[in-house]
Structure formats: structure tokens, C-alpha cells
N, C-alpha and C. Protein backbone atom coordinates (compact mmCIF):
# COMPACT_ATOMS: atom_id res chain seq x y z
N MET A 1 -9.35 192.32 229.91
CA MET A 1 -10.41 193.15 229.34
C MET A 1 -11.42 193.48 230.43
N THR A 2 -11.89 194.69 230.39
CA THR A 2 -12.91 195.14 231.33
C THR A 2 -14.24 194.46 231.01
N LYS A 3 -14.96 194.08 232.05
CA LYS A 3 -16.28 193.48 231.86
C LYS A 3 -17.29 194.58 231.64
N ARG A 4 -18.08 194.44 230.56
CA ARG A 4 -19.08 195.46 230.25
C ARG A 4 -20.20 194.89 229.40
N ILE A 5 -21.30 195.60 229.39
CA ILE A 5 -22.43 195.26 228.52
C ILE A 5 -22.68 196.47 227.62
N LYS A 6 -22.59 196.25 226.33
CA LYS A 6 -22.84 197.31 225.35
C LYS A 6 -24.30 197.17 224.91
N VAL A 7 -25.09 198.22 225.13
CA VAL A 7 -26.51 198.20 224.80
C VAL A 7 -26.80 199.27 223.76
N GLN A 8 -27.49 198.87 222.70
CA GLN A 8 -27.92 199.81 221.66
C GLN A 8 -29.44 199.74 221.58
N ILE A 9 -30.08 200.92 221.57
CA ILE A 9 -31.53 201.00 221.42
C ILE A 9 -31.80 201.73 220.11
N PHE A 10 -32.51 201.06 219.22
CA PHE A 10 -32.78 201.60 217.90
C PHE A 10 -34.12 202.34 217.87
N GLU A 11 -34.32 203.14 216.83
CA GLU A 11 -35.53 203.97 216.71
C GLU A 11 -36.82 203.15 216.78
N ASP A 12 -36.78 201.91 216.27
CA ASP A 12 -37.99 201.08 216.28
C ASP A 12 -38.22 200.39 217.63
N GLY A 13 -37.36 200.68 218.62
CA GLY A 13 -37.51 200.09 219.94
C GLY A 13 -36.74 198.81 220.15
N THR A 14 -36.12 198.31 219.09
CA THR A 14 -35.31 197.10 219.19
C THR A 14 -34.08 197.38 220.05
N VAL A 15 -33.76 196.45 220.92
CA VAL A 15 -32.59 196.57 221.79
C VAL A 15 -31.59 195.50 221.41
N GLN A 16 -30.35 195.89 221.26
CA GLN A 16 -29.27 194.95 220.98
C GLN A 16 -28.26 195.07 222.11
N ALA A 17 -27.87 193.94 222.69
CA ALA A 17 -26.91 193.95 223.79
C ALA A 17 -25.76 193.01 223.48
N GLU A 18 -24.57 193.43 223.88
CA GLU A 18 -23.38 192.59 223.70
C GLU A 18 -22.61 192.58 225.01
N VAL A 19 -22.36 191.39 225.52
CA VAL A 19 -21.58 191.23 226.75
C VAL A 19 -20.12 191.09 226.35
N GLN A 20 -19.25 191.88 226.97
CA GLN A 20 -17.83 191.86 226.63
C GLN A 20 -17.00 191.59 227.88
N GLY A 21 -15.95 190.80 227.72
CA GLY A 21 -15.01 190.56 228.81
C GLY A 21 -15.44 189.49 229.79
N ILE A 22 -16.49 188.75 229.49
CA ILE A 22 -16.97 187.68 230.37
C ILE A 22 -16.90 186.38 229.58
N LYS A 23 -16.08 185.45 230.05
CA LYS A 23 -15.87 184.21 229.33
C LYS A 23 -16.85 183.13 229.76
N GLY A 24 -17.19 182.27 228.82
CA GLY A 24 -18.05 181.14 229.12
C GLY A 24 -19.52 181.51 229.14
N LYS A 25 -20.31 180.58 229.61
CA LYS A 25 -21.76 180.72 229.57
C LYS A 25 -22.30 181.71 230.60
N LYS A 26 -21.43 182.21 231.50
CA LYS A 26 -21.87 183.19 232.50
C LYS A 26 -22.40 184.47 231.86
N CYS A 27 -21.99 184.74 230.63
CA CYS A 27 -22.45 185.97 229.96
C CYS A 27 -23.96 185.98 229.79
N THR A 28 -24.57 184.81 229.65
CA THR A 28 -26.02 184.76 229.46
C THR A 28 -26.77 185.19 230.72
N ASN A 29 -26.14 185.11 231.88
CA ASN A 29 -26.76 185.59 233.12
C ASN A 29 -27.02 187.10 233.04
N TYR A 30 -26.11 187.82 232.42
CA TYR A 30 -26.25 189.27 232.29
C TYR A 30 -27.36 189.63 231.31
N ILE A 31 -27.52 188.84 230.27
CA ILE A 31 -28.62 189.08 229.33
C ILE A 31 -29.95 188.87 230.03
N LYS A 32 -30.03 187.86 230.89
CA LYS A 32 -31.26 187.60 231.66
C LYS A 32 -31.61 188.81 232.53
N ILE A 33 -30.61 189.42 233.14
CA ILE A 33 -30.84 190.61 233.97
C ILE A 33 -31.40 191.74 233.10
N LEU A 34 -30.84 191.93 231.92
CA LEU A 34 -31.36 192.96 231.01
C LEU A 34 -32.80 192.66 230.61
N GLU A 35 -33.10 191.40 230.35
CA GLU A 35 -34.48 191.03 230.01
C GLU A 35 -35.43 191.43 231.14
N ASP A 36 -35.02 191.17 232.37
CA ASP A 36 -35.86 191.51 233.52
C ASP A 36 -36.04 193.02 233.65
N ILE A 37 -34.96 193.77 233.50
CA ILE A 37 -35.02 195.22 233.63
C ILE A 37 -35.90 195.83 232.54
N LEU A 38 -35.73 195.34 231.31
CA LEU A 38 -36.44 195.91 230.17
C LEU A 38 -37.81 195.27 229.92
N GLN A 39 -38.13 194.27 230.72
CA GLN A 39 -39.37 193.50 230.53
C GLN A 39 -39.46 193.04 229.08
N ALA A 40 -38.38 192.39 228.64
CA ALA A 40 -38.27 191.93 227.25
C ALA A 40 -37.75 190.50 227.24
N GLU A 41 -37.70 189.92 226.05
CA GLU A 41 -37.13 188.58 225.93
C GLU A 41 -36.19 188.54 224.73
N THR A 42 -35.20 187.68 224.82
CA THR A 42 -34.24 187.53 223.75
C THR A 42 -34.89 186.84 222.56
N VAL A 43 -34.71 187.42 221.39
CA VAL A 43 -35.27 186.85 220.16
C VAL A 43 -34.20 186.06 219.42
N ASP A 44 -32.97 186.56 219.44
CA ASP A 44 -31.88 185.93 218.70
C ASP A 44 -30.59 186.14 219.46
N SER A 45 -29.69 185.16 219.39
CA SER A 45 -28.40 185.27 220.07
C SER A 45 -27.28 184.86 219.12
N ASP A 46 -26.22 185.62 219.15
CA ASP A 46 -24.97 185.26 218.47
C ASP A 46 -23.91 185.21 219.56
N TYR A 47 -23.07 184.20 219.51
CA TYR A 47 -22.06 184.02 220.55
C TYR A 47 -20.68 184.37 220.01
N THR A 48 -19.92 185.11 220.81
CA THR A 48 -18.55 185.47 220.45
C THR A 48 -17.63 184.33 220.84
N LYS A 49 -16.36 184.45 220.47
CA LYS A 49 -15.39 183.41 220.82
C LYS A 49 -15.24 183.31 222.34
N GLU A 50 -15.49 184.40 223.08
CA GLU A 50 -15.39 184.37 224.55
C GLU A 50 -16.40 183.41 225.17
N TYR A 51 -17.53 183.23 224.51
CA TYR A 51 -18.57 182.33 225.02
C TYR A 51 -18.03 180.90 225.12
N TYR A 52 -17.16 180.54 224.20
CA TYR A 52 -16.63 179.18 224.14
C TYR A 52 -15.33 179.01 224.93
N GLU A 53 -14.85 180.07 225.56
CA GLU A 53 -13.63 180.01 226.37
C GLU A 53 -13.99 179.77 227.83
N THR A 54 -13.01 179.32 228.58
CA THR A 54 -13.23 179.16 230.02
C THR A 54 -12.39 180.21 230.74
N GLU A 55 -12.92 180.66 231.85
CA GLU A 55 -12.23 181.67 232.65
C GLU A 55 -11.23 180.97 233.55
N LYS A 56 -10.02 181.50 233.61
CA LYS A 56 -9.00 180.92 234.47
C LYS A 56 -9.18 181.43 235.89
N VAL A 57 -9.16 180.51 236.83
CA VAL A 57 -9.33 180.85 238.23
C VAL A 57 -8.05 180.46 238.96
N MET A 58 -7.52 181.38 239.73
CA MET A 58 -6.30 181.11 240.50
C MET A 58 -6.69 180.68 241.91
N LEU A 59 -6.18 179.54 242.32
CA LEU A 59 -6.44 179.04 243.66
C LEU A 59 -5.13 179.00 244.44
N ASP A 60 -5.16 179.48 245.66
CA ASP A 60 -4.01 179.39 246.55
C ASP A 60 -4.36 178.42 247.65
N GLU A 61 -3.47 177.46 247.86
CA GLU A 61 -3.69 176.49 248.92
C GLU A 61 -2.80 176.86 250.10
N VAL A 62 -3.39 176.93 251.25
CA VAL A 62 -2.65 177.28 252.46
C VAL A 62 -2.83 176.16 253.46
N GLU A 63 -1.71 175.71 254.03
CA GLU A 63 -1.78 174.66 255.03
C GLU A 63 -1.47 175.27 256.39
N HIS A 64 -2.33 174.98 257.34
CA HIS A 64 -2.15 175.50 258.69
C HIS A 64 -1.76 174.34 259.61
N GLN A 65 -0.76 174.58 260.43
CA GLN A 65 -0.37 173.60 261.45
C GLN A 65 -0.40 174.30 262.79
N GLU A 66 -0.89 173.56 263.76
CA GLU A 66 -0.94 174.10 265.11
C GLU A 66 0.14 173.39 265.93
N LEU A 67 1.04 174.16 266.49
CA LEU A 67 2.11 173.60 267.30
C LEU A 67 1.89 174.00 268.75
N LYS A 68 2.07 173.03 269.64
CA LYS A 68 1.93 173.30 271.07
C LYS A 68 3.29 173.13 271.73
N ALA A 69 3.62 174.04 272.62
CA ALA A 69 4.90 173.98 273.32
C ALA A 69 4.95 172.76 274.23
N GLY A 70 6.12 172.09 274.27
CA GLY A 70 6.31 170.95 275.17
C GLY A 70 5.91 169.62 274.57
N GLU A 71 5.50 169.56 273.38
CA GLU A 71 5.11 168.28 272.77
C GLU A 71 6.11 167.84 271.77
């Protein structure tokens, strides 16, 4: 899923934001950025199932050996 932030601004000035495609608690970092940009603060939060999931990270291990001629 593509990472995105869905922002809705209502007639009364209320802003609703939904972070999509970001698993785990990292999504709250994006809400903090929106708070800073909008000079606002979060009043209420609802968490999606993605909030409780962990992001899979692929690690590749590479071993380097140095060989010298004549040894």
C-alpha cells in the first residue's frame, strides 16, 4: 500500500487526518508534523489495525573476506 495522509478540512475549521500505509506507532510522527504545520493539536485519535501491526524489514548480511596472494 502506498504511504499517504488523507486530510479533510470541514466548514467549521475542524481538520481530520488519517495516515494510511504506515504500520506501527510511526504513523503518529506524521500527525505531529501536521500539528506543527497547522499550528493545531490533536483532540481525539482512533487507531486502525495498521497501528497495531509491525513493519517487516528485510536485512541482507554480507560477509567480506580479504585474501592476500602468497599466504
